[in-house]
């Protein structure tokens, strides 16, 4: 969150979730402090790398479905993380070269890699906002967003693997509603979220490791995740473990267990 160093300053004294996630995905843009925290997570939850890859695969499928089946041409991705190809804009623009994407993250190291997020097709456009999800009005009022997206037309709001870093004290349900409110009818919410439902004891330990590193964290049950979609029309199959949300051949062939993944994911349309 924004308390991980001053804006524009990379804080290497404490772990950051974006850099830990980069490690889980096999990236190299993390520091020793992130590696140590991630190693502690791996000790109590050996499936965390599988979990991260499965969640990333869900993001790819959801983005592809939105561009190909729902006709969405605008995406607002919050909690972008360190670029890992294919990035959201590459998936969307492979289907629709004219797609426009705005990325948002609060970790300055993501900003240093933003050029990888800005390699749009000539027909489309991408931009980047350095901001915290806990400041939704700032995101929605950012010039980069206004210059890239037309909010009178449908937008897919992507909040993948993010809201478990927004505990209840920061009013995450209200944050999501405040971001959806200015979006046009026909917009979509894409969301994935860690859950303790399959292994409560392990996730209690994982959450404690993040909190000890200064990272706010709170996992939520399926019912609590479903509440983020209140007032929206869930796309089939509803809120589901990510490897069973409209699986492609790769996801269908994956030999992963629900406990390994420990995520709920869903996509819903704004009426």
Protein backbone atom coordinates (compact mmCIF):
# COMPACT_ATOMS: atom_id res chain seq x y z
CA UNK A 1 0.00 0.00 0.00
CA UNK A 2 1.04 3.62 0.00
CA UNK A 3 2.78 3.26 3.35
CA UNK A 4 5.50 1.17 1.69
CA UNK A 5 7.85 4.09 1.12
CA UNK A 6 7.28 7.62 -0.14
CA UNK A 7 5.87 8.13 -3.64
CA UNK A 8 8.58 7.47 -6.22
CA UNK A 9 10.92 5.97 -3.61
CA UNK A 10 11.51 2.21 -3.57
CA UNK A 11 11.49 0.98 0.02
CA UNK A 12 13.77 -2.04 0.32
CA UNK A 13 13.52 -2.20 4.11
CA UNK A 14 10.17 -4.00 4.04
CA UNK A 15 8.59 -6.53 1.67
CA UNK A 16 6.01 -5.42 -0.87
CA UNK A 17 3.22 -7.69 -2.18
CA UNK A 18 3.87 -6.79 -5.84
CA UNK A 19 7.51 -7.83 -5.52
CA UNK A 20 6.64 -11.01 -3.58
CA UNK A 21 4.12 -11.88 -6.31
CA UNK A 22 6.85 -11.31 -8.90
CA UNK A 23 8.95 -13.89 -7.06
CA UNK A 24 6.08 -16.40 -6.96
CA UNK A 25 5.71 -16.01 -10.74
CA UNK A 26 9.42 -16.62 -11.30
CA UNK A 27 10.38 -13.00 -11.92
CA UNK A 28 13.58 -11.23 -10.90
CA UNK A 29 12.35 -7.81 -9.81
CA UNK A 30 12.41 -8.25 -6.05
CA UNK A 31 14.78 -7.62 -3.18
CA UNK A 32 16.23 -9.73 -0.39
CA UNK A 33 13.54 -8.57 2.03
CA UNK A 34 10.85 -9.77 -0.41
CA UNK A 35 12.65 -13.08 -0.91
CA UNK A 36 12.84 -13.68 2.83
CA UNK A 37 9.13 -12.99 3.35
CA UNK A 38 8.20 -15.13 0.34
CA UNK A 39 10.38 -17.97 1.63
CA UNK A 40 8.47 -17.88 4.93
CA UNK A 41 5.19 -18.10 3.01
CA UNK A 42 6.51 -21.06 1.03
CA UNK A 43 7.39 -22.85 4.25
CA UNK A 44 3.79 -22.79 5.46
CA UNK A 45 2.09 -22.79 2.03
CA UNK A 46 4.15 -24.70 -0.59
CA UNK A 47 1.38 -24.18 -3.16
CA UNK A 48 1.77 -20.39 -3.30
CA UNK A 49 3.58 -20.46 -6.67
CA UNK A 50 0.86 -22.65 -8.16
CA UNK A 51 -1.68 -20.28 -6.67
CA UNK A 52 -0.02 -17.25 -8.31
CA UNK A 53 0.26 -18.91 -11.73
CA UNK A 54 -3.35 -20.10 -11.61
CA UNK A 55 -4.58 -16.64 -10.69
CA UNK A 56 -2.53 -15.12 -13.51
CA UNK A 57 -4.06 -17.60 -15.94
CA UNK A 58 -7.53 -16.55 -14.77
CA UNK A 59 -6.68 -12.91 -15.54
CA UNK A 60 -5.65 -13.90 -19.06
CA UNK A 61 -8.85 -15.89 -19.70
CA UNK A 62 -11.12 -13.24 -18.19
CA UNK A 63 -9.49 -10.50 -20.26
CA UNK A 64 -9.73 -12.60 -23.41
CA UNK A 65 -13.40 -13.37 -22.74
CA UNK A 66 -14.20 -9.71 -22.10
CA UNK A 67 -12.55 -8.59 -25.33
CA UNK A 68 -13.79 -11.46 -27.52
CA UNK A 69 -17.21 -12.29 -26.09
CA UNK A 70 -18.35 -9.17 -24.24
CA UNK A 71 -16.92 -6.69 -26.74
CA UNK A 72 -15.06 -4.66 -24.11
CA UNK A 73 -12.48 -2.26 -25.51
CA UNK A 74 -11.50 -0.40 -22.32
CA UNK A 75 -9.78 -1.81 -19.24
CA UNK A 76 -8.81 -0.27 -15.90
CA UNK A 77 -6.36 -2.61 -14.14
CA UNK A 78 -5.63 -1.73 -10.50
CA UNK A 79 -2.89 -3.49 -8.59
CA UNK A 80 -1.11 -4.17 -11.86
CA UNK A 81 2.08 -5.54 -10.37
CA UNK A 82 5.47 -5.88 -12.01
CA UNK A 83 5.07 -6.56 -15.75
CA UNK A 84 4.97 -10.28 -16.56
CA UNK A 85 4.27 -11.13 -20.20
CA UNK A 86 1.72 -11.43 -21.50
CA UNK A 87 0.40 -8.38 -19.70
CA UNK A 88 -3.28 -7.49 -19.72
CA UNK A 89 -2.99 -5.10 -22.67
CA UNK A 90 -1.21 -7.73 -24.75
CA UNK A 91 -4.01 -10.23 -24.12
CA UNK A 92 -6.74 -7.68 -24.85
CA UNK A 93 -5.06 -6.20 -27.92
CA UNK A 94 -4.40 -9.61 -29.39
CA UNK A 95 -8.18 -9.92 -29.64
CA UNK A 96 -8.96 -6.23 -30.20
CA UNK A 97 -5.99 -4.13 -31.40
CA UNK A 98 -7.92 -0.93 -30.63
CA UNK A 99 -8.31 -1.78 -26.92
CA UNK A 100 -7.33 0.89 -24.41
CA UNK A 101 -5.86 0.05 -21.02
CA UNK A 102 -5.02 2.09 -17.92
CA UNK A 103 -2.73 0.42 -15.40
CA UNK A 104 -2.49 1.48 -11.74
CA UNK A 105 -0.15 0.41 -8.95
CA UNK A 106 1.37 1.97 -5.84
CA UNK A 107 4.80 0.29 -5.86
CA UNK A 108 7.46 2.60 -7.36
CA UNK A 109 9.28 -0.41 -8.81
CA UNK A 110 6.28 -0.97 -11.08
CA UNK A 111 6.68 2.61 -12.30
CA UNK A 112 10.30 1.89 -13.23
CA UNK A 113 9.05 -0.91 -15.48
CA UNK A 114 6.04 0.98 -16.84
CA UNK A 115 7.50 1.18 -20.34
CA UNK A 116 6.73 -2.52 -20.69
CA UNK A 117 3.11 -1.67 -19.92
CA UNK A 118 2.98 1.15 -22.45
CA UNK A 119 3.89 -0.80 -25.59
CA UNK A 120 0.46 -0.54 -27.12
CA UNK A 121 -0.60 -1.44 -30.62
CA UNK A 122 -0.82 1.60 -32.92
CA UNK A 123 -4.61 1.30 -32.93
CA UNK A 124 -4.95 1.16 -29.12
CA UNK A 125 -3.46 2.98 -26.17
CA UNK A 126 -2.09 2.28 -22.70
CA UNK A 127 -1.21 4.56 -19.79
CA UNK A 128 -0.04 4.21 -16.20
CA UNK A 129 -1.13 5.86 -12.93
CA UNK A 130 0.98 5.69 -9.78
CA UNK A 131 -1.76 5.50 -7.13
CA UNK A 132 -3.24 3.49 -4.27
CA UNK A 133 -6.56 1.64 -4.54
CA UNK A 134 -7.51 3.20 -1.20
CA UNK A 135 -7.77 6.52 -3.07
CA UNK A 136 -10.39 5.66 -5.71
CA UNK A 137 -11.42 9.24 -6.45
CA UNK A 138 -7.81 10.13 -7.19
CA UNK A 139 -7.58 7.25 -9.65
CA UNK A 140 -10.84 8.07 -11.38
CA UNK A 141 -9.92 11.77 -11.66
CA UNK A 142 -6.37 11.16 -12.94
CA UNK A 143 -5.58 12.92 -16.24
CA UNK A 144 -4.02 9.71 -17.57
CA UNK A 145 -7.36 7.94 -17.15
CA UNK A 146 -9.38 10.74 -18.72
CA UNK A 147 -7.01 10.93 -21.68
CA UNK A 148 -7.18 7.18 -22.31
CA UNK A 149 -10.65 5.92 -21.40
CA UNK A 150 -14.11 7.19 -22.30
CA UNK A 151 -16.21 6.59 -19.19
CA UNK A 152 -19.42 7.05 -21.15
CA UNK A 153 -18.58 3.67 -22.72
CA UNK A 154 -18.20 0.31 -20.92
CA UNK A 155 -14.99 -0.34 -18.99
CA UNK A 156 -13.72 -3.56 -17.40
CA UNK A 157 -12.49 -2.80 -13.88
CA UNK A 158 -9.85 -5.42 -13.02
CA UNK A 159 -9.00 -6.03 -9.34
CA UNK A 160 -7.02 -9.23 -9.49
CA UNK A 161 -5.26 -10.53 -6.35
CA UNK A 162 -5.57 -7.11 -4.75
CA UNK A 163 -8.38 -6.77 -2.24
CA UNK A 164 -6.93 -9.24 0.25
CA UNK A 165 -4.45 -6.39 0.87
CA UNK A 166 -7.33 -4.07 1.79
CA UNK A 167 -8.59 -5.07 5.26
CA UNK A 168 -12.09 -4.12 6.37
CA UNK A 169 -10.80 -1.04 8.20
CA UNK A 170 -10.15 0.53 4.77
CA UNK A 171 -13.73 -0.18 3.62
CA UNK A 172 -12.96 -2.32 0.56
CA UNK A 173 -16.61 -2.86 -0.41
CA UNK A 174 -17.19 0.89 -0.45
CA UNK A 175 -14.00 1.38 -2.49
CA UNK A 176 -15.22 -1.02 -5.16
CA UNK A 177 -18.62 0.69 -5.32
CA UNK A 178 -17.01 4.12 -5.60
CA UNK A 179 -14.96 2.91 -8.55
CA UNK A 180 -17.91 1.26 -10.25
CA UNK A 181 -20.25 4.22 -9.78
CA UNK A 182 -18.84 6.44 -12.58
CA UNK A 183 -18.59 3.53 -15.04
CA UNK A 184 -21.18 3.16 -17.77
CA UNK A 185 -23.88 0.51 -17.88
CA UNK A 186 -22.42 -2.59 -19.52
CA UNK A 187 -19.12 -2.23 -17.66
CA UNK A 188 -17.64 -5.23 -15.87
CA UNK A 189 -15.93 -6.03 -12.58
CA UNK A 190 -13.19 -8.69 -12.68
CA UNK A 191 -12.02 -9.82 -9.26
CA UNK A 192 -9.93 -12.56 -7.68
CA UNK A 193 -9.30 -12.91 -3.95
CA UNK A 194 -7.43 -15.24 -1.57
CA UNK A 195 -9.64 -17.33 0.67
CA UNK A 196 -9.16 -19.40 3.84
CA UNK A 197 -12.10 -21.64 2.91
CA UNK A 198 -10.00 -24.67 1.94
CA UNK A 199 -7.27 -24.45 4.61
CA UNK A 200 -8.00 -21.95 7.40
CA UNK A 201 -4.98 -22.85 9.55
CA UNK A 202 -2.48 -22.32 6.73
CA UNK A 203 -3.99 -19.02 5.69
CA UNK A 204 -3.92 -17.73 9.24
CA UNK A 205 -0.15 -18.27 9.15
CA UNK A 206 0.23 -16.69 5.70
CA UNK A 207 -1.70 -13.59 6.71
CA UNK A 208 0.46 -13.25 9.82
CA UNK A 209 3.66 -13.37 7.72
CA UNK A 210 2.39 -10.53 5.54
CA UNK A 211 1.32 -8.48 8.54
CA UNK A 212 4.68 -8.98 10.24
CA UNK A 213 6.24 -7.53 7.10
CA UNK A 214 4.07 -4.43 7.41
CA UNK A 215 1.66 -5.52 4.67
CA UNK A 216 -2.05 -5.20 5.55
CA UNK A 217 -3.81 -8.46 4.72
CA UNK A 218 -7.21 -10.09 5.17
CA UNK A 219 -8.45 -13.20 3.37
CA UNK A 220 -12.19 -13.66 2.84
CA UNK A 221 -14.72 -16.44 2.48
CA UNK A 222 -16.67 -17.15 -0.70
CA UNK A 223 -19.69 -15.35 0.73
CA UNK A 224 -17.56 -12.30 1.55
CA UNK A 225 -16.05 -12.30 -1.94
CA UNK A 226 -19.52 -12.57 -3.49
CA UNK A 227 -20.50 -9.37 -1.66
CA UNK A 228 -18.13 -7.39 -3.89
CA UNK A 229 -20.48 -8.22 -6.78
CA UNK A 230 -23.62 -6.92 -5.06
CA UNK A 231 -25.88 -5.21 -7.59
CA UNK A 232 -24.05 -6.72 -10.56
CA UNK A 233 -24.94 -9.57 -12.91
CA UNK A 234 -22.49 -12.44 -12.42
CA UNK A 235 -21.18 -14.11 -15.55
CA UNK A 236 -21.40 -17.91 -15.53
CA UNK A 237 -20.09 -19.88 -13.67
CA UNK A 238 -20.34 -17.19 -10.99
CA UNK A 239 -17.81 -16.92 -8.19
CA UNK A 240 -15.62 -19.97 -8.64
CA UNK A 241 -12.08 -21.20 -8.00
CA UNK A 242 -10.08 -19.59 -10.82
CA UNK A 243 -9.00 -22.79 -12.59
CA UNK A 244 -12.68 -23.65 -13.09
CA UNK A 245 -13.75 -20.22 -14.38
CA UNK A 246 -14.30 -20.82 -18.11
CA UNK A 247 -11.23 -23.07 -18.34
CA UNK A 248 -9.30 -23.29 -21.59
CA UNK A 249 -7.44 -26.47 -22.54
CA UNK A 250 -4.45 -25.53 -20.38
CA UNK A 251 -6.54 -24.83 -17.29
CA UNK A 252 -8.68 -27.93 -17.83
CA UNK A 253 -5.55 -30.08 -17.99
CA UNK A 254 -3.94 -28.55 -14.91
CA UNK A 255 -3.66 -30.91 -11.97
CA UNK A 256 -4.19 -28.43 -9.16
CA UNK A 257 -6.33 -28.72 -6.06
CA UNK A 258 -8.66 -26.10 -4.67
CA UNK A 259 -6.53 -25.96 -1.50
CA UNK A 260 -3.39 -25.24 -3.55
CA UNK A 261 -5.06 -22.35 -5.32
CA UNK A 262 -7.19 -21.02 -2.44
CA UNK A 263 -8.70 -18.21 -4.50
CA UNK A 264 -12.20 -17.20 -5.48
CA UNK A 265 -12.67 -15.38 -8.79
CA UNK A 266 -15.52 -13.92 -10.77
CA UNK A 267 -16.65 -11.52 -13.48
CA UNK A 268 -19.86 -9.51 -13.34
CA UNK A 269 -21.66 -6.96 -15.52
CA UNK A 270 -23.00 -3.62 -14.37
CA UNK A 271 -26.69 -3.38 -15.44
